[in-house]
N, C-alpha and C. Protein backbone atom coordinates (compact mmCIF):
# COMPACT_ATOMS: atom_id res chain seq x y z
N MET A 1 -60.92 -43.29 -13.49
CA MET A 1 -60.72 -44.71 -13.61
C MET A 1 -61.95 -45.40 -13.02
N ILE A 2 -62.30 -46.55 -13.60
CA ILE A 2 -63.43 -47.35 -13.14
C ILE A 2 -62.92 -48.71 -12.70
N SER A 3 -63.25 -49.08 -11.49
CA SER A 3 -62.91 -50.41 -11.00
C SER A 3 -63.94 -51.40 -11.53
N MET A 4 -63.47 -52.59 -11.90
CA MET A 4 -64.36 -53.61 -12.43
C MET A 4 -64.00 -54.93 -11.76
N VAL A 5 -64.99 -55.55 -11.08
CA VAL A 5 -64.69 -56.75 -10.30
C VAL A 5 -65.95 -57.59 -10.13
N ALA A 6 -65.75 -58.89 -9.93
CA ALA A 6 -66.82 -59.79 -9.52
C ALA A 6 -66.45 -60.31 -8.14
N VAL A 7 -67.42 -60.30 -7.21
CA VAL A 7 -67.16 -60.69 -5.83
C VAL A 7 -68.24 -61.67 -5.37
N ASP A 8 -67.89 -62.47 -4.36
CA ASP A 8 -68.91 -63.32 -3.74
C ASP A 8 -69.52 -62.57 -2.56
N ASP A 9 -70.33 -63.24 -1.76
CA ASP A 9 -71.02 -62.58 -0.65
C ASP A 9 -70.06 -61.97 0.38
N ASN A 10 -68.85 -62.49 0.45
CA ASN A 10 -67.84 -61.98 1.39
C ASN A 10 -66.79 -61.12 0.69
N TRP A 11 -67.09 -60.65 -0.51
CA TRP A 11 -66.19 -59.83 -1.32
C TRP A 11 -64.93 -60.60 -1.72
N GLY A 12 -65.05 -61.93 -1.78
CA GLY A 12 -63.96 -62.77 -2.29
C GLY A 12 -63.88 -62.63 -3.80
N ILE A 13 -62.64 -62.65 -4.33
CA ILE A 13 -62.48 -62.45 -5.77
C ILE A 13 -61.65 -63.52 -6.46
N GLY A 14 -60.86 -64.28 -5.73
CA GLY A 14 -60.00 -65.22 -6.43
C GLY A 14 -59.51 -66.36 -5.56
N LEU A 15 -59.05 -67.40 -6.25
CA LEU A 15 -58.46 -68.56 -5.58
C LEU A 15 -57.29 -69.04 -6.43
N ASN A 16 -56.12 -69.04 -5.83
CA ASN A 16 -54.91 -69.51 -6.52
C ASN A 16 -54.69 -68.80 -7.85
N GLY A 17 -54.94 -67.50 -7.88
CA GLY A 17 -54.71 -66.72 -9.09
C GLY A 17 -55.75 -66.90 -10.18
N ASP A 18 -56.89 -67.44 -9.84
CA ASP A 18 -57.94 -67.64 -10.84
C ASP A 18 -59.29 -67.25 -10.22
N LEU A 19 -60.29 -67.09 -11.07
CA LEU A 19 -61.63 -66.81 -10.58
C LEU A 19 -62.24 -68.08 -10.00
N PRO A 20 -62.98 -67.97 -8.92
CA PRO A 20 -63.60 -69.16 -8.33
C PRO A 20 -64.90 -69.58 -9.02
N TRP A 21 -65.27 -68.92 -10.10
CA TRP A 21 -66.50 -69.24 -10.83
C TRP A 21 -66.25 -68.99 -12.31
N HIS A 22 -67.14 -69.54 -13.13
CA HIS A 22 -67.09 -69.31 -14.57
C HIS A 22 -68.48 -68.86 -15.00
N ILE A 23 -68.58 -67.59 -15.40
CA ILE A 23 -69.87 -67.02 -15.79
C ILE A 23 -69.69 -66.38 -17.18
N PRO A 24 -70.07 -67.10 -18.24
CA PRO A 24 -69.88 -66.57 -19.60
C PRO A 24 -70.47 -65.19 -19.81
N GLY A 25 -71.63 -64.91 -19.23
CA GLY A 25 -72.25 -63.59 -19.40
C GLY A 25 -71.40 -62.47 -18.84
N GLU A 26 -70.67 -62.75 -17.79
CA GLU A 26 -69.78 -61.74 -17.21
C GLU A 26 -68.56 -61.52 -18.09
N GLN A 27 -68.10 -62.56 -18.74
CA GLN A 27 -66.99 -62.41 -19.68
C GLN A 27 -67.40 -61.50 -20.84
N VAL A 28 -68.63 -61.66 -21.31
CA VAL A 28 -69.14 -60.81 -22.39
C VAL A 28 -69.26 -59.37 -21.90
N PHE A 29 -69.81 -59.17 -20.70
CA PHE A 29 -69.94 -57.83 -20.13
C PHE A 29 -68.57 -57.17 -20.00
N PHE A 30 -67.59 -57.91 -19.48
CA PHE A 30 -66.22 -57.39 -19.32
C PHE A 30 -65.66 -56.97 -20.67
N ARG A 31 -65.81 -57.82 -21.66
CA ARG A 31 -65.27 -57.52 -22.99
C ARG A 31 -65.95 -56.28 -23.58
N GLU A 32 -67.28 -56.21 -23.48
CA GLU A 32 -68.00 -55.06 -24.03
C GLU A 32 -67.56 -53.75 -23.38
N LYS A 33 -67.32 -53.75 -22.09
CA LYS A 33 -66.93 -52.54 -21.39
C LYS A 33 -65.48 -52.15 -21.67
N THR A 34 -64.60 -53.12 -21.81
CA THR A 34 -63.16 -52.80 -21.87
C THR A 34 -62.58 -52.75 -23.28
N ILE A 35 -63.21 -53.38 -24.25
CA ILE A 35 -62.62 -53.42 -25.60
C ILE A 35 -62.44 -52.00 -26.13
N GLY A 36 -61.28 -51.74 -26.69
CA GLY A 36 -60.96 -50.42 -27.23
C GLY A 36 -60.54 -49.41 -26.18
N ASN A 37 -60.49 -49.83 -24.93
CA ASN A 37 -60.16 -48.92 -23.84
C ASN A 37 -58.86 -49.35 -23.15
N THR A 38 -58.55 -48.71 -22.05
CA THR A 38 -57.33 -49.01 -21.29
C THR A 38 -57.70 -49.84 -20.08
N ILE A 39 -56.90 -50.90 -19.83
CA ILE A 39 -57.09 -51.70 -18.63
C ILE A 39 -55.81 -51.64 -17.80
N VAL A 40 -56.00 -51.59 -16.49
CA VAL A 40 -54.90 -51.50 -15.53
C VAL A 40 -54.98 -52.73 -14.64
N MET A 41 -53.85 -53.41 -14.49
CA MET A 41 -53.84 -54.62 -13.66
C MET A 41 -52.47 -54.80 -13.04
N GLY A 42 -52.44 -55.64 -12.03
CA GLY A 42 -51.18 -56.04 -11.43
C GLY A 42 -50.55 -57.17 -12.22
N ARG A 43 -49.29 -57.45 -11.91
CA ARG A 43 -48.55 -58.50 -12.60
C ARG A 43 -49.20 -59.88 -12.42
N LYS A 44 -49.66 -60.17 -11.22
CA LYS A 44 -50.28 -61.48 -10.97
C LYS A 44 -51.56 -61.64 -11.78
N THR A 45 -52.32 -60.58 -11.95
CA THR A 45 -53.53 -60.65 -12.77
C THR A 45 -53.13 -60.91 -14.22
N LEU A 46 -52.10 -60.24 -14.71
CA LEU A 46 -51.61 -60.50 -16.06
C LEU A 46 -51.26 -61.97 -16.22
N GLU A 47 -50.56 -62.52 -15.26
CA GLU A 47 -50.14 -63.92 -15.33
C GLU A 47 -51.32 -64.88 -15.32
N SER A 48 -52.46 -64.45 -14.78
CA SER A 48 -53.65 -65.31 -14.73
C SER A 48 -54.43 -65.29 -16.04
N LEU A 49 -54.13 -64.35 -16.92
CA LEU A 49 -54.83 -64.26 -18.21
C LEU A 49 -54.37 -65.37 -19.13
N PRO A 50 -55.18 -65.72 -20.14
CA PRO A 50 -54.79 -66.78 -21.08
C PRO A 50 -53.40 -66.53 -21.67
N GLY A 51 -52.52 -67.48 -21.47
CA GLY A 51 -51.14 -67.36 -21.97
C GLY A 51 -50.31 -66.36 -21.20
N GLY A 52 -50.86 -65.76 -20.15
CA GLY A 52 -50.13 -64.75 -19.39
C GLY A 52 -49.80 -63.52 -20.21
N ARG A 53 -50.65 -63.27 -21.22
CA ARG A 53 -50.40 -62.17 -22.16
C ARG A 53 -51.44 -61.06 -21.99
N PRO A 54 -51.07 -59.85 -22.41
CA PRO A 54 -52.03 -58.74 -22.39
C PRO A 54 -53.26 -59.06 -23.23
N LEU A 55 -54.39 -58.48 -22.85
CA LEU A 55 -55.63 -58.71 -23.58
C LEU A 55 -55.63 -57.89 -24.86
N LYS A 56 -56.03 -58.53 -25.94
CA LYS A 56 -56.06 -57.89 -27.26
C LYS A 56 -57.18 -56.86 -27.32
N GLY A 57 -56.97 -55.86 -28.16
CA GLY A 57 -57.99 -54.85 -28.39
C GLY A 57 -58.11 -53.81 -27.29
N ARG A 58 -57.13 -53.80 -26.39
CA ARG A 58 -57.12 -52.86 -25.28
C ARG A 58 -55.70 -52.38 -25.06
N ARG A 59 -55.57 -51.21 -24.50
CA ARG A 59 -54.26 -50.75 -24.05
C ARG A 59 -54.06 -51.32 -22.64
N ASN A 60 -53.04 -52.14 -22.45
CA ASN A 60 -52.78 -52.80 -21.18
C ASN A 60 -51.69 -52.07 -20.42
N ILE A 61 -51.96 -51.77 -19.15
CA ILE A 61 -50.95 -51.18 -18.27
C ILE A 61 -50.80 -52.11 -17.07
N ILE A 62 -49.56 -52.50 -16.81
CA ILE A 62 -49.27 -53.43 -15.71
C ILE A 62 -48.56 -52.66 -14.61
N LEU A 63 -49.08 -52.77 -13.39
CA LEU A 63 -48.46 -52.16 -12.22
C LEU A 63 -47.75 -53.26 -11.44
N THR A 64 -46.45 -53.08 -11.22
CA THR A 64 -45.65 -54.06 -10.48
C THR A 64 -44.58 -53.35 -9.69
N ARG A 65 -44.15 -53.98 -8.60
CA ARG A 65 -43.03 -53.45 -7.82
C ARG A 65 -41.70 -54.01 -8.31
N ASN A 66 -41.76 -55.00 -9.21
CA ASN A 66 -40.55 -55.65 -9.71
C ASN A 66 -39.89 -54.78 -10.77
N PRO A 67 -38.74 -54.17 -10.47
CA PRO A 67 -38.10 -53.25 -11.41
C PRO A 67 -37.55 -53.94 -12.65
N ASP A 68 -37.44 -55.26 -12.63
CA ASP A 68 -36.91 -56.01 -13.77
C ASP A 68 -38.00 -56.54 -14.69
N PHE A 69 -39.27 -56.31 -14.32
CA PHE A 69 -40.38 -56.86 -15.10
C PHE A 69 -40.59 -56.06 -16.38
N SER A 70 -40.82 -56.78 -17.46
CA SER A 70 -41.21 -56.15 -18.72
C SER A 70 -42.24 -57.06 -19.38
N CYS A 71 -42.99 -56.50 -20.31
CA CYS A 71 -44.05 -57.27 -20.96
C CYS A 71 -44.29 -56.71 -22.35
N ASP A 72 -44.09 -57.55 -23.36
CA ASP A 72 -44.41 -57.14 -24.72
C ASP A 72 -45.90 -56.88 -24.84
N GLY A 73 -46.27 -55.78 -25.45
CA GLY A 73 -47.66 -55.47 -25.68
C GLY A 73 -48.34 -54.75 -24.53
N ALA A 74 -47.55 -54.35 -23.54
CA ALA A 74 -48.13 -53.63 -22.40
C ALA A 74 -47.16 -52.57 -21.90
N LYS A 75 -47.70 -51.55 -21.32
CA LYS A 75 -46.89 -50.54 -20.64
C LYS A 75 -46.74 -51.01 -19.20
N VAL A 76 -45.54 -50.95 -18.68
CA VAL A 76 -45.28 -51.37 -17.30
C VAL A 76 -44.95 -50.13 -16.48
N VAL A 77 -45.62 -50.00 -15.34
CA VAL A 77 -45.36 -48.91 -14.40
C VAL A 77 -45.07 -49.52 -13.04
N PHE A 78 -44.37 -48.75 -12.20
CA PHE A 78 -43.86 -49.30 -10.95
C PHE A 78 -44.43 -48.67 -9.69
N ASN A 79 -45.30 -47.68 -9.84
CA ASN A 79 -45.93 -47.06 -8.67
C ASN A 79 -47.16 -46.27 -9.14
N PRO A 80 -48.01 -45.90 -8.20
CA PRO A 80 -49.23 -45.18 -8.58
C PRO A 80 -48.97 -43.87 -9.33
N GLU A 81 -47.91 -43.17 -8.98
CA GLU A 81 -47.61 -41.90 -9.66
C GLU A 81 -47.34 -42.14 -11.14
N GLU A 82 -46.53 -43.17 -11.45
CA GLU A 82 -46.26 -43.49 -12.85
C GLU A 82 -47.55 -43.88 -13.57
N LEU A 83 -48.41 -44.61 -12.89
CA LEU A 83 -49.68 -45.00 -13.49
C LEU A 83 -50.52 -43.76 -13.79
N LEU A 84 -50.63 -42.86 -12.82
CA LEU A 84 -51.42 -41.66 -13.04
C LEU A 84 -50.87 -40.83 -14.19
N ASN A 85 -49.56 -40.78 -14.33
CA ASN A 85 -48.96 -40.09 -15.47
C ASN A 85 -49.29 -40.80 -16.78
N ALA A 86 -49.31 -42.14 -16.76
CA ALA A 86 -49.59 -42.92 -17.97
C ALA A 86 -51.04 -42.74 -18.44
N ILE A 87 -51.95 -42.49 -17.51
CA ILE A 87 -53.36 -42.35 -17.92
C ILE A 87 -53.80 -40.89 -17.97
N HIS A 88 -52.89 -39.97 -17.63
CA HIS A 88 -53.22 -38.55 -17.66
C HIS A 88 -53.71 -38.16 -19.06
N GLY A 89 -54.82 -37.44 -19.10
CA GLY A 89 -55.36 -36.98 -20.37
C GLY A 89 -56.34 -37.95 -21.00
N LEU A 90 -56.41 -39.19 -20.48
CA LEU A 90 -57.39 -40.15 -21.01
C LEU A 90 -58.74 -39.90 -20.36
N ASP A 91 -59.79 -40.24 -21.07
CA ASP A 91 -61.14 -40.18 -20.51
C ASP A 91 -61.22 -41.19 -19.37
N SER A 92 -61.49 -40.74 -18.15
CA SER A 92 -61.49 -41.63 -16.99
C SER A 92 -62.56 -42.71 -17.09
N ASP A 93 -63.58 -42.52 -17.94
CA ASP A 93 -64.59 -43.55 -18.15
C ASP A 93 -64.14 -44.62 -19.14
N LYS A 94 -62.90 -44.51 -19.60
CA LYS A 94 -62.36 -45.49 -20.54
C LYS A 94 -61.09 -46.14 -20.01
N VAL A 95 -60.88 -46.02 -18.70
CA VAL A 95 -59.74 -46.66 -18.03
C VAL A 95 -60.32 -47.55 -16.94
N PHE A 96 -60.04 -48.86 -17.05
CA PHE A 96 -60.63 -49.84 -16.15
C PHE A 96 -59.57 -50.53 -15.31
N LEU A 97 -59.78 -50.52 -14.01
CA LEU A 97 -58.93 -51.23 -13.07
C LEU A 97 -59.51 -52.64 -12.94
N ILE A 98 -58.69 -53.68 -13.26
CA ILE A 98 -59.24 -55.04 -13.29
C ILE A 98 -58.58 -56.01 -12.31
N GLY A 99 -57.77 -55.52 -11.39
CA GLY A 99 -57.25 -56.42 -10.35
C GLY A 99 -55.75 -56.53 -10.32
N GLY A 100 -55.28 -57.27 -9.40
CA GLY A 100 -55.89 -58.08 -8.39
C GLY A 100 -56.08 -57.34 -7.07
N ALA A 101 -56.17 -58.16 -6.02
CA ALA A 101 -56.55 -57.65 -4.71
C ALA A 101 -55.66 -56.52 -4.23
N GLN A 102 -54.35 -56.68 -4.33
CA GLN A 102 -53.43 -55.63 -3.87
C GLN A 102 -53.60 -54.34 -4.67
N VAL A 103 -53.80 -54.49 -5.97
CA VAL A 103 -53.96 -53.33 -6.85
C VAL A 103 -55.29 -52.63 -6.57
N TYR A 104 -56.34 -53.40 -6.33
CA TYR A 104 -57.61 -52.77 -5.95
C TYR A 104 -57.43 -51.94 -4.68
N ARG A 105 -56.81 -52.52 -3.66
CA ARG A 105 -56.64 -51.78 -2.39
C ARG A 105 -55.83 -50.50 -2.61
N LEU A 106 -54.82 -50.58 -3.44
CA LEU A 106 -53.94 -49.43 -3.68
C LEU A 106 -54.61 -48.34 -4.51
N LEU A 107 -55.40 -48.74 -5.50
CA LEU A 107 -55.88 -47.76 -6.49
C LEU A 107 -57.36 -47.37 -6.38
N LEU A 108 -58.13 -48.03 -5.54
CA LEU A 108 -59.54 -47.65 -5.41
C LEU A 108 -59.75 -46.17 -5.08
N PRO A 109 -58.89 -45.55 -4.28
CA PRO A 109 -59.09 -44.12 -4.02
C PRO A 109 -59.03 -43.25 -5.28
N TYR A 110 -58.43 -43.76 -6.36
CA TYR A 110 -58.32 -43.01 -7.61
C TYR A 110 -59.46 -43.32 -8.57
N CYS A 111 -60.34 -44.26 -8.20
CA CYS A 111 -61.46 -44.64 -9.06
C CYS A 111 -62.68 -43.81 -8.72
N LYS A 112 -63.36 -43.33 -9.76
CA LYS A 112 -64.57 -42.56 -9.49
C LYS A 112 -65.82 -43.42 -9.56
N LYS A 113 -65.71 -44.59 -10.20
CA LYS A 113 -66.84 -45.50 -10.33
C LYS A 113 -66.36 -46.94 -10.15
N ALA A 114 -67.31 -47.83 -9.91
CA ALA A 114 -66.99 -49.25 -9.80
C ALA A 114 -68.16 -50.07 -10.33
N TYR A 115 -67.85 -51.02 -11.22
CA TYR A 115 -68.81 -52.03 -11.63
C TYR A 115 -68.50 -53.26 -10.78
N VAL A 116 -69.44 -53.65 -9.93
CA VAL A 116 -69.24 -54.78 -9.04
C VAL A 116 -70.32 -55.82 -9.32
N THR A 117 -69.91 -56.96 -9.83
CA THR A 117 -70.83 -58.07 -10.01
C THR A 117 -70.81 -58.87 -8.72
N LYS A 118 -71.97 -58.94 -8.06
CA LYS A 118 -72.08 -59.68 -6.81
C LYS A 118 -72.66 -61.06 -7.12
N VAL A 119 -71.78 -62.06 -7.01
CA VAL A 119 -72.15 -63.45 -7.27
C VAL A 119 -72.76 -64.01 -5.99
N ASP A 120 -73.92 -64.60 -6.12
CA ASP A 120 -74.64 -65.12 -4.96
C ASP A 120 -73.92 -66.34 -4.40
N GLY A 121 -73.57 -66.29 -3.13
CA GLY A 121 -72.95 -67.42 -2.45
C GLY A 121 -71.57 -67.08 -1.92
N CYS A 122 -71.06 -68.02 -1.13
CA CYS A 122 -69.71 -67.89 -0.58
C CYS A 122 -68.85 -68.97 -1.21
N PHE A 123 -67.77 -68.57 -1.83
CA PHE A 123 -66.89 -69.49 -2.54
C PHE A 123 -65.58 -69.63 -1.77
N LYS A 124 -64.86 -70.68 -2.06
CA LYS A 124 -63.52 -70.84 -1.49
C LYS A 124 -62.62 -69.84 -2.22
N VAL A 125 -62.06 -68.89 -1.47
CA VAL A 125 -61.22 -67.84 -2.05
C VAL A 125 -60.01 -67.60 -1.16
N ASP A 126 -59.00 -66.98 -1.74
CA ASP A 126 -57.82 -66.59 -0.95
C ASP A 126 -57.48 -65.12 -1.14
N SER A 127 -58.34 -64.39 -1.86
CA SER A 127 -58.12 -62.95 -2.03
C SER A 127 -59.48 -62.25 -2.03
N HIS A 128 -59.46 -61.02 -1.56
CA HIS A 128 -60.69 -60.25 -1.39
C HIS A 128 -60.54 -58.83 -1.93
N HIS A 129 -61.65 -58.29 -2.35
CA HIS A 129 -61.76 -56.89 -2.76
C HIS A 129 -62.24 -56.11 -1.53
N PRO A 130 -61.81 -54.87 -1.35
CA PRO A 130 -62.38 -54.07 -0.26
C PRO A 130 -63.90 -54.00 -0.37
N ASN A 131 -64.57 -54.10 0.76
CA ASN A 131 -66.03 -54.09 0.80
C ASN A 131 -66.52 -52.64 0.66
N LEU A 132 -67.03 -52.31 -0.51
CA LEU A 132 -67.49 -50.95 -0.77
C LEU A 132 -68.76 -50.61 0.02
N ASP A 133 -69.50 -51.63 0.44
CA ASP A 133 -70.70 -51.37 1.23
C ASP A 133 -70.34 -50.85 2.62
N CYS A 134 -69.13 -51.09 3.07
CA CYS A 134 -68.68 -50.62 4.40
C CYS A 134 -67.77 -49.40 4.29
N ASP A 135 -67.66 -48.84 3.10
CA ASP A 135 -66.78 -47.70 2.87
C ASP A 135 -67.65 -46.46 2.61
N SER A 136 -67.58 -45.50 3.49
CA SER A 136 -68.44 -44.31 3.37
C SER A 136 -68.11 -43.44 2.17
N ASP A 137 -66.99 -43.70 1.50
CA ASP A 137 -66.64 -42.94 0.30
C ASP A 137 -67.43 -43.41 -0.93
N TRP A 138 -68.08 -44.57 -0.82
CA TRP A 138 -68.76 -45.17 -1.96
C TRP A 138 -70.26 -45.29 -1.69
N ARG A 139 -71.06 -45.10 -2.76
CA ARG A 139 -72.50 -45.31 -2.66
C ARG A 139 -72.98 -46.10 -3.88
N VAL A 140 -74.03 -46.87 -3.67
CA VAL A 140 -74.64 -47.62 -4.77
C VAL A 140 -75.49 -46.66 -5.58
N ALA A 141 -75.24 -46.60 -6.87
CA ALA A 141 -76.00 -45.72 -7.76
C ALA A 141 -77.05 -46.48 -8.56
N ASP A 142 -76.80 -47.79 -8.78
CA ASP A 142 -77.74 -48.57 -9.58
C ASP A 142 -77.48 -50.05 -9.33
N ILE A 143 -78.53 -50.86 -9.48
CA ILE A 143 -78.44 -52.31 -9.33
C ILE A 143 -79.24 -52.94 -10.45
N SER A 144 -78.67 -53.97 -11.09
CA SER A 144 -79.39 -54.68 -12.15
C SER A 144 -80.40 -55.66 -11.55
N GLU A 145 -81.24 -56.17 -12.39
CA GLU A 145 -82.10 -57.29 -12.01
C GLU A 145 -81.20 -58.51 -11.80
N GLU A 146 -81.72 -59.50 -11.11
CA GLU A 146 -80.95 -60.74 -10.91
C GLU A 146 -80.76 -61.43 -12.26
N ILE A 147 -79.56 -61.95 -12.47
CA ILE A 147 -79.21 -62.67 -13.69
C ILE A 147 -78.79 -64.08 -13.25
N VAL A 148 -79.19 -65.09 -14.00
CA VAL A 148 -78.77 -66.47 -13.71
C VAL A 148 -78.07 -67.02 -14.94
N SER A 149 -76.85 -67.53 -14.73
CA SER A 149 -76.06 -68.10 -15.82
C SER A 149 -75.30 -69.30 -15.27
N THR A 150 -75.34 -70.38 -15.99
CA THR A 150 -74.68 -71.63 -15.59
C THR A 150 -74.97 -71.99 -14.14
N GLY A 151 -76.22 -71.78 -13.72
CA GLY A 151 -76.64 -72.12 -12.38
C GLY A 151 -76.19 -71.16 -11.30
N ILE A 152 -75.57 -70.06 -11.69
CA ILE A 152 -75.07 -69.07 -10.72
C ILE A 152 -75.90 -67.80 -10.88
N SER A 153 -76.41 -67.29 -9.76
CA SER A 153 -77.16 -66.04 -9.83
C SER A 153 -76.28 -64.88 -9.36
N TYR A 154 -76.50 -63.73 -9.97
CA TYR A 154 -75.71 -62.55 -9.64
C TYR A 154 -76.46 -61.30 -10.04
N LYS A 155 -76.01 -60.19 -9.49
CA LYS A 155 -76.50 -58.86 -9.85
C LYS A 155 -75.30 -57.97 -10.10
N ARG A 156 -75.48 -56.99 -10.96
CA ARG A 156 -74.43 -55.99 -11.21
C ARG A 156 -74.78 -54.73 -10.43
N TYR A 157 -73.83 -54.28 -9.64
CA TYR A 157 -73.98 -53.06 -8.85
C TYR A 157 -73.07 -51.99 -9.47
N PHE A 158 -73.59 -50.79 -9.53
CA PHE A 158 -72.81 -49.66 -10.02
C PHE A 158 -72.61 -48.72 -8.84
N TYR A 159 -71.36 -48.54 -8.43
CA TYR A 159 -71.02 -47.68 -7.30
C TYR A 159 -70.40 -46.39 -7.81
N GLU A 160 -70.52 -45.34 -7.01
CA GLU A 160 -69.87 -44.07 -7.29
C GLU A 160 -69.04 -43.67 -6.06
N ASN A 161 -67.85 -43.17 -6.33
CA ASN A 161 -67.01 -42.59 -5.27
C ASN A 161 -67.55 -41.18 -5.06
N ILE A 162 -68.12 -40.92 -3.89
CA ILE A 162 -68.82 -39.65 -3.67
C ILE A 162 -67.90 -38.44 -3.75
N PHE A 163 -66.59 -38.66 -3.59
CA PHE A 163 -65.66 -37.54 -3.66
C PHE A 163 -65.16 -37.26 -5.07
N LEU A 164 -65.25 -38.25 -5.96
CA LEU A 164 -64.68 -38.07 -7.30
C LEU A 164 -65.71 -37.94 -8.42
N VAL A 165 -66.93 -38.38 -8.20
CA VAL A 165 -67.94 -38.28 -9.27
C VAL A 165 -68.15 -36.81 -9.61
N GLY A 166 -68.06 -36.53 -10.90
CA GLY A 166 -68.22 -35.15 -11.35
C GLY A 166 -66.93 -34.37 -11.34
N ASN A 167 -65.85 -34.96 -10.81
CA ASN A 167 -64.54 -34.29 -10.79
C ASN A 167 -63.53 -35.09 -11.61
N SER A 168 -63.83 -35.33 -12.88
CA SER A 168 -62.97 -36.16 -13.73
C SER A 168 -61.60 -35.55 -13.92
């Protein structure tokens, strides 16, 4: 599984269930990476999507603790074990973890890679992604050149989980 996230300088990722920034180039990058593949998200992330519906052109898996939750167009799982069973046999480079904060904290140990867009600046946020720079299990494998879009500068970092890379 690959984690995919955009963070500010303090690893902030969201405010009131939405992104604290709008970067069209990142939306294109997200679509290019995930289209035709499997995406894994929490219920709150699903609710933050347009219309609160699963994203088209992808297999959507929703992780929730709510046993009464269901969603047309998505597979719903209730714990990490069910999720791992649901993605068993899939190419791990085609399964993307897309949030939110609780789901990242729970499932990062199962991710072998992470695409982290680091947005320059500190934004008003109420949720955070674990700081991979302070986690000895993760290392930076590559960094893009600086990109500027809609007045916001950012770089894309590619991290590897040192324990899982090569052990798909």
